[in-house]
N, C-alpha and C. Protein backbone atom coordinates (compact mmCIF):
# COMPACT_ATOMS: atom_id res chain seq x y z
N UNK A 1 9.05 -41.62 45.31
CA UNK A 1 9.37 -40.75 44.20
C UNK A 1 10.46 -41.36 43.32
N UNK A 2 11.35 -42.13 43.92
CA UNK A 2 12.45 -42.73 43.16
C UNK A 2 11.92 -43.75 42.14
N UNK A 3 10.86 -44.45 42.49
CA UNK A 3 10.29 -45.43 41.57
C UNK A 3 9.75 -44.76 40.31
N UNK A 4 9.33 -43.51 40.44
CA UNK A 4 8.81 -42.79 39.29
C UNK A 4 9.92 -42.46 38.30
N UNK A 5 11.08 -42.15 38.80
CA UNK A 5 12.21 -41.82 37.94
C UNK A 5 12.80 -43.06 37.28
N UNK A 6 12.64 -44.21 37.88
CA UNK A 6 13.19 -45.45 37.34
C UNK A 6 12.23 -46.16 36.40
N UNK A 7 10.99 -45.72 36.36
CA UNK A 7 9.98 -46.35 35.51
C UNK A 7 10.23 -45.97 34.05
N UNK A 8 10.36 -46.97 33.17
CA UNK A 8 10.65 -46.73 31.76
C UNK A 8 9.52 -47.18 30.84
N UNK A 9 8.34 -47.34 31.37
CA UNK A 9 7.23 -47.85 30.56
C UNK A 9 6.79 -46.87 29.48
N UNK A 10 6.89 -45.59 29.72
CA UNK A 10 6.43 -44.61 28.75
C UNK A 10 7.51 -44.12 27.81
N UNK A 11 8.73 -44.60 27.95
CA UNK A 11 9.84 -44.10 27.14
C UNK A 11 9.63 -44.38 25.66
N UNK A 12 9.23 -45.57 25.31
CA UNK A 12 9.05 -45.90 23.89
C UNK A 12 7.91 -45.11 23.28
N UNK A 13 6.88 -44.81 24.06
CA UNK A 13 5.77 -44.00 23.54
C UNK A 13 6.24 -42.58 23.24
N UNK A 14 7.02 -42.02 24.12
CA UNK A 14 7.55 -40.68 23.91
C UNK A 14 8.48 -40.66 22.70
N UNK A 15 9.35 -41.65 22.58
CA UNK A 15 10.26 -41.72 21.44
C UNK A 15 9.47 -41.86 20.14
N UNK A 16 8.44 -42.70 20.15
CA UNK A 16 7.61 -42.87 18.95
C UNK A 16 6.92 -41.56 18.57
N UNK A 17 6.40 -40.85 19.56
CA UNK A 17 5.73 -39.58 19.30
C UNK A 17 6.71 -38.56 18.71
N UNK A 18 7.93 -38.51 19.22
CA UNK A 18 8.93 -37.58 18.69
C UNK A 18 9.31 -37.91 17.25
N UNK A 19 9.47 -39.19 16.96
CA UNK A 19 9.82 -39.61 15.60
C UNK A 19 8.67 -39.30 14.64
N UNK A 20 7.44 -39.55 15.07
CA UNK A 20 6.29 -39.28 14.21
C UNK A 20 6.18 -37.78 13.94
N UNK A 21 6.37 -36.96 14.96
CA UNK A 21 6.32 -35.51 14.78
C UNK A 21 7.42 -35.03 13.82
N UNK A 22 8.61 -35.57 13.96
CA UNK A 22 9.70 -35.17 13.07
C UNK A 22 9.40 -35.60 11.63
N UNK A 23 8.87 -36.79 11.45
CA UNK A 23 8.51 -37.26 10.12
C UNK A 23 7.42 -36.40 9.50
N UNK A 24 6.40 -36.07 10.28
CA UNK A 24 5.32 -35.23 9.77
C UNK A 24 5.81 -33.83 9.40
N UNK A 25 6.72 -33.29 10.20
CA UNK A 25 7.27 -31.97 9.89
C UNK A 25 8.05 -32.01 8.59
N UNK A 26 8.83 -33.07 8.40
CA UNK A 26 9.60 -33.20 7.15
C UNK A 26 8.66 -33.39 5.96
N UNK A 27 7.63 -34.19 6.12
CA UNK A 27 6.68 -34.43 5.03
C UNK A 27 5.93 -33.15 4.67
N UNK A 28 5.51 -32.39 5.66
CA UNK A 28 4.81 -31.13 5.39
C UNK A 28 5.74 -30.11 4.73
N UNK A 29 7.00 -30.08 5.17
CA UNK A 29 7.96 -29.19 4.54
C UNK A 29 8.20 -29.54 3.09
N UNK A 30 8.35 -30.80 2.80
CA UNK A 30 8.54 -31.24 1.41
C UNK A 30 7.30 -30.95 0.56
N UNK A 31 6.13 -31.12 1.16
CA UNK A 31 4.89 -30.83 0.43
C UNK A 31 4.79 -29.35 0.10
N UNK A 32 5.21 -28.50 1.03
CA UNK A 32 5.17 -27.06 0.79
C UNK A 32 6.14 -26.66 -0.31
N UNK A 33 7.34 -27.22 -0.29
CA UNK A 33 8.32 -26.93 -1.34
C UNK A 33 7.81 -27.44 -2.68
N UNK A 34 7.22 -28.62 -2.70
CA UNK A 34 6.67 -29.19 -3.94
C UNK A 34 5.59 -28.28 -4.52
N UNK A 35 4.71 -27.78 -3.64
CA UNK A 35 3.61 -26.93 -4.10
C UNK A 35 4.13 -25.62 -4.69
N UNK A 36 5.12 -25.02 -4.03
CA UNK A 36 5.69 -23.77 -4.53
C UNK A 36 6.43 -24.02 -5.85
N UNK A 37 7.15 -25.12 -5.93
CA UNK A 37 7.88 -25.43 -7.16
C UNK A 37 6.91 -25.72 -8.31
N UNK A 38 5.82 -26.40 -8.02
CA UNK A 38 4.86 -26.73 -9.06
C UNK A 38 4.14 -25.49 -9.59
N UNK A 39 3.96 -24.50 -8.73
CA UNK A 39 3.26 -23.28 -9.17
C UNK A 39 4.16 -22.38 -10.01
N UNK A 40 5.45 -22.63 -10.01
CA UNK A 40 6.37 -21.83 -10.82
C UNK A 40 6.95 -20.65 -10.07
N UNK A 41 6.64 -20.53 -8.79
CA UNK A 41 7.13 -19.40 -8.01
C UNK A 41 8.65 -19.46 -7.83
N UNK A 42 9.21 -20.65 -7.69
CA UNK A 42 10.66 -20.76 -7.53
C UNK A 42 11.39 -20.32 -8.80
N UNK A 43 10.87 -20.72 -9.94
CA UNK A 43 11.49 -20.32 -11.20
C UNK A 43 11.38 -18.81 -11.40
N UNK A 44 10.24 -18.24 -11.02
CA UNK A 44 10.05 -16.80 -11.16
C UNK A 44 11.03 -16.04 -10.27
N UNK A 45 11.21 -16.50 -9.04
CA UNK A 45 12.16 -15.84 -8.13
C UNK A 45 13.59 -15.95 -8.65
N UNK A 46 13.93 -17.09 -9.21
CA UNK A 46 15.27 -17.27 -9.76
C UNK A 46 15.48 -16.35 -10.96
N UNK A 47 14.46 -16.22 -11.79
CA UNK A 47 14.55 -15.32 -12.95
C UNK A 47 14.71 -13.87 -12.50
N UNK A 48 13.95 -13.47 -11.48
CA UNK A 48 14.05 -12.10 -10.97
C UNK A 48 15.42 -11.84 -10.35
N UNK A 49 15.95 -12.82 -9.64
CA UNK A 49 17.25 -12.64 -8.99
C UNK A 49 18.38 -12.59 -10.01
N UNK A 50 18.22 -13.29 -11.12
CA UNK A 50 19.28 -13.35 -12.12
C UNK A 50 19.05 -12.38 -13.27
N UNK A 51 18.01 -11.57 -13.21
CA UNK A 51 17.68 -10.72 -14.35
C UNK A 51 18.76 -9.68 -14.64
N UNK A 52 19.45 -9.21 -13.59
CA UNK A 52 20.48 -8.20 -13.85
C UNK A 52 21.66 -8.78 -14.60
N UNK A 53 21.82 -10.08 -14.58
CA UNK A 53 22.90 -10.72 -15.33
C UNK A 53 22.67 -10.64 -16.82
N UNK A 54 21.43 -10.58 -17.25
CA UNK A 54 21.12 -10.58 -18.67
C UNK A 54 21.02 -9.17 -19.24
N UNK A 55 20.85 -8.17 -18.38
CA UNK A 55 20.65 -6.82 -18.88
C UNK A 55 21.94 -6.16 -19.36
N UNK A 56 23.01 -6.26 -18.61
CA UNK A 56 24.22 -5.54 -18.95
C UNK A 56 25.32 -6.43 -19.51
N UNK A 57 24.99 -7.61 -19.90
CA UNK A 57 26.00 -8.55 -20.37
C UNK A 57 26.41 -9.46 -19.23
N UNK A 58 26.85 -10.64 -19.58
CA UNK A 58 27.18 -11.63 -18.56
C UNK A 58 28.37 -11.21 -17.71
N UNK A 59 29.37 -10.58 -18.30
CA UNK A 59 30.58 -10.24 -17.54
C UNK A 59 30.28 -9.19 -16.49
N UNK A 60 29.54 -8.15 -16.86
CA UNK A 60 29.21 -7.10 -15.92
C UNK A 60 28.35 -7.64 -14.77
N UNK A 61 27.36 -8.44 -15.08
CA UNK A 61 26.52 -9.02 -14.05
C UNK A 61 27.30 -9.93 -13.13
N UNK A 62 28.21 -10.70 -13.69
CA UNK A 62 29.04 -11.58 -12.88
C UNK A 62 29.91 -10.77 -11.94
N UNK A 63 30.49 -9.68 -12.42
CA UNK A 63 31.34 -8.85 -11.58
C UNK A 63 30.52 -8.16 -10.48
N UNK A 64 29.30 -7.77 -10.80
CA UNK A 64 28.44 -7.18 -9.76
C UNK A 64 28.12 -8.21 -8.68
N UNK A 65 27.82 -9.43 -9.08
CA UNK A 65 27.56 -10.47 -8.10
C UNK A 65 28.80 -10.77 -7.26
N UNK A 66 29.93 -10.83 -7.92
CA UNK A 66 31.18 -11.12 -7.22
C UNK A 66 31.52 -10.00 -6.24
N UNK A 67 31.29 -8.77 -6.64
CA UNK A 67 31.58 -7.64 -5.78
C UNK A 67 30.65 -7.53 -4.59
N UNK A 68 29.44 -8.08 -4.71
CA UNK A 68 28.49 -7.98 -3.61
C UNK A 68 28.85 -8.89 -2.44
N UNK A 69 29.73 -9.86 -2.69
CA UNK A 69 30.15 -10.72 -1.59
C UNK A 69 31.35 -10.15 -0.96
């Protein structure tokens, strides 16, 4: 059983698999963000979140945002 714990032949394969999985997860995440940004959904959400700043004047909206924290 001790020889099994000392065997390092599969270590590089496991490390390679972990790196590939991490890279694929990052690539898929970036692709998802790119797709949402390209569709305009991010801009729409930002407009909706900031819409109260434009309704009552910039100072009032700023104070409401400041007070919410």
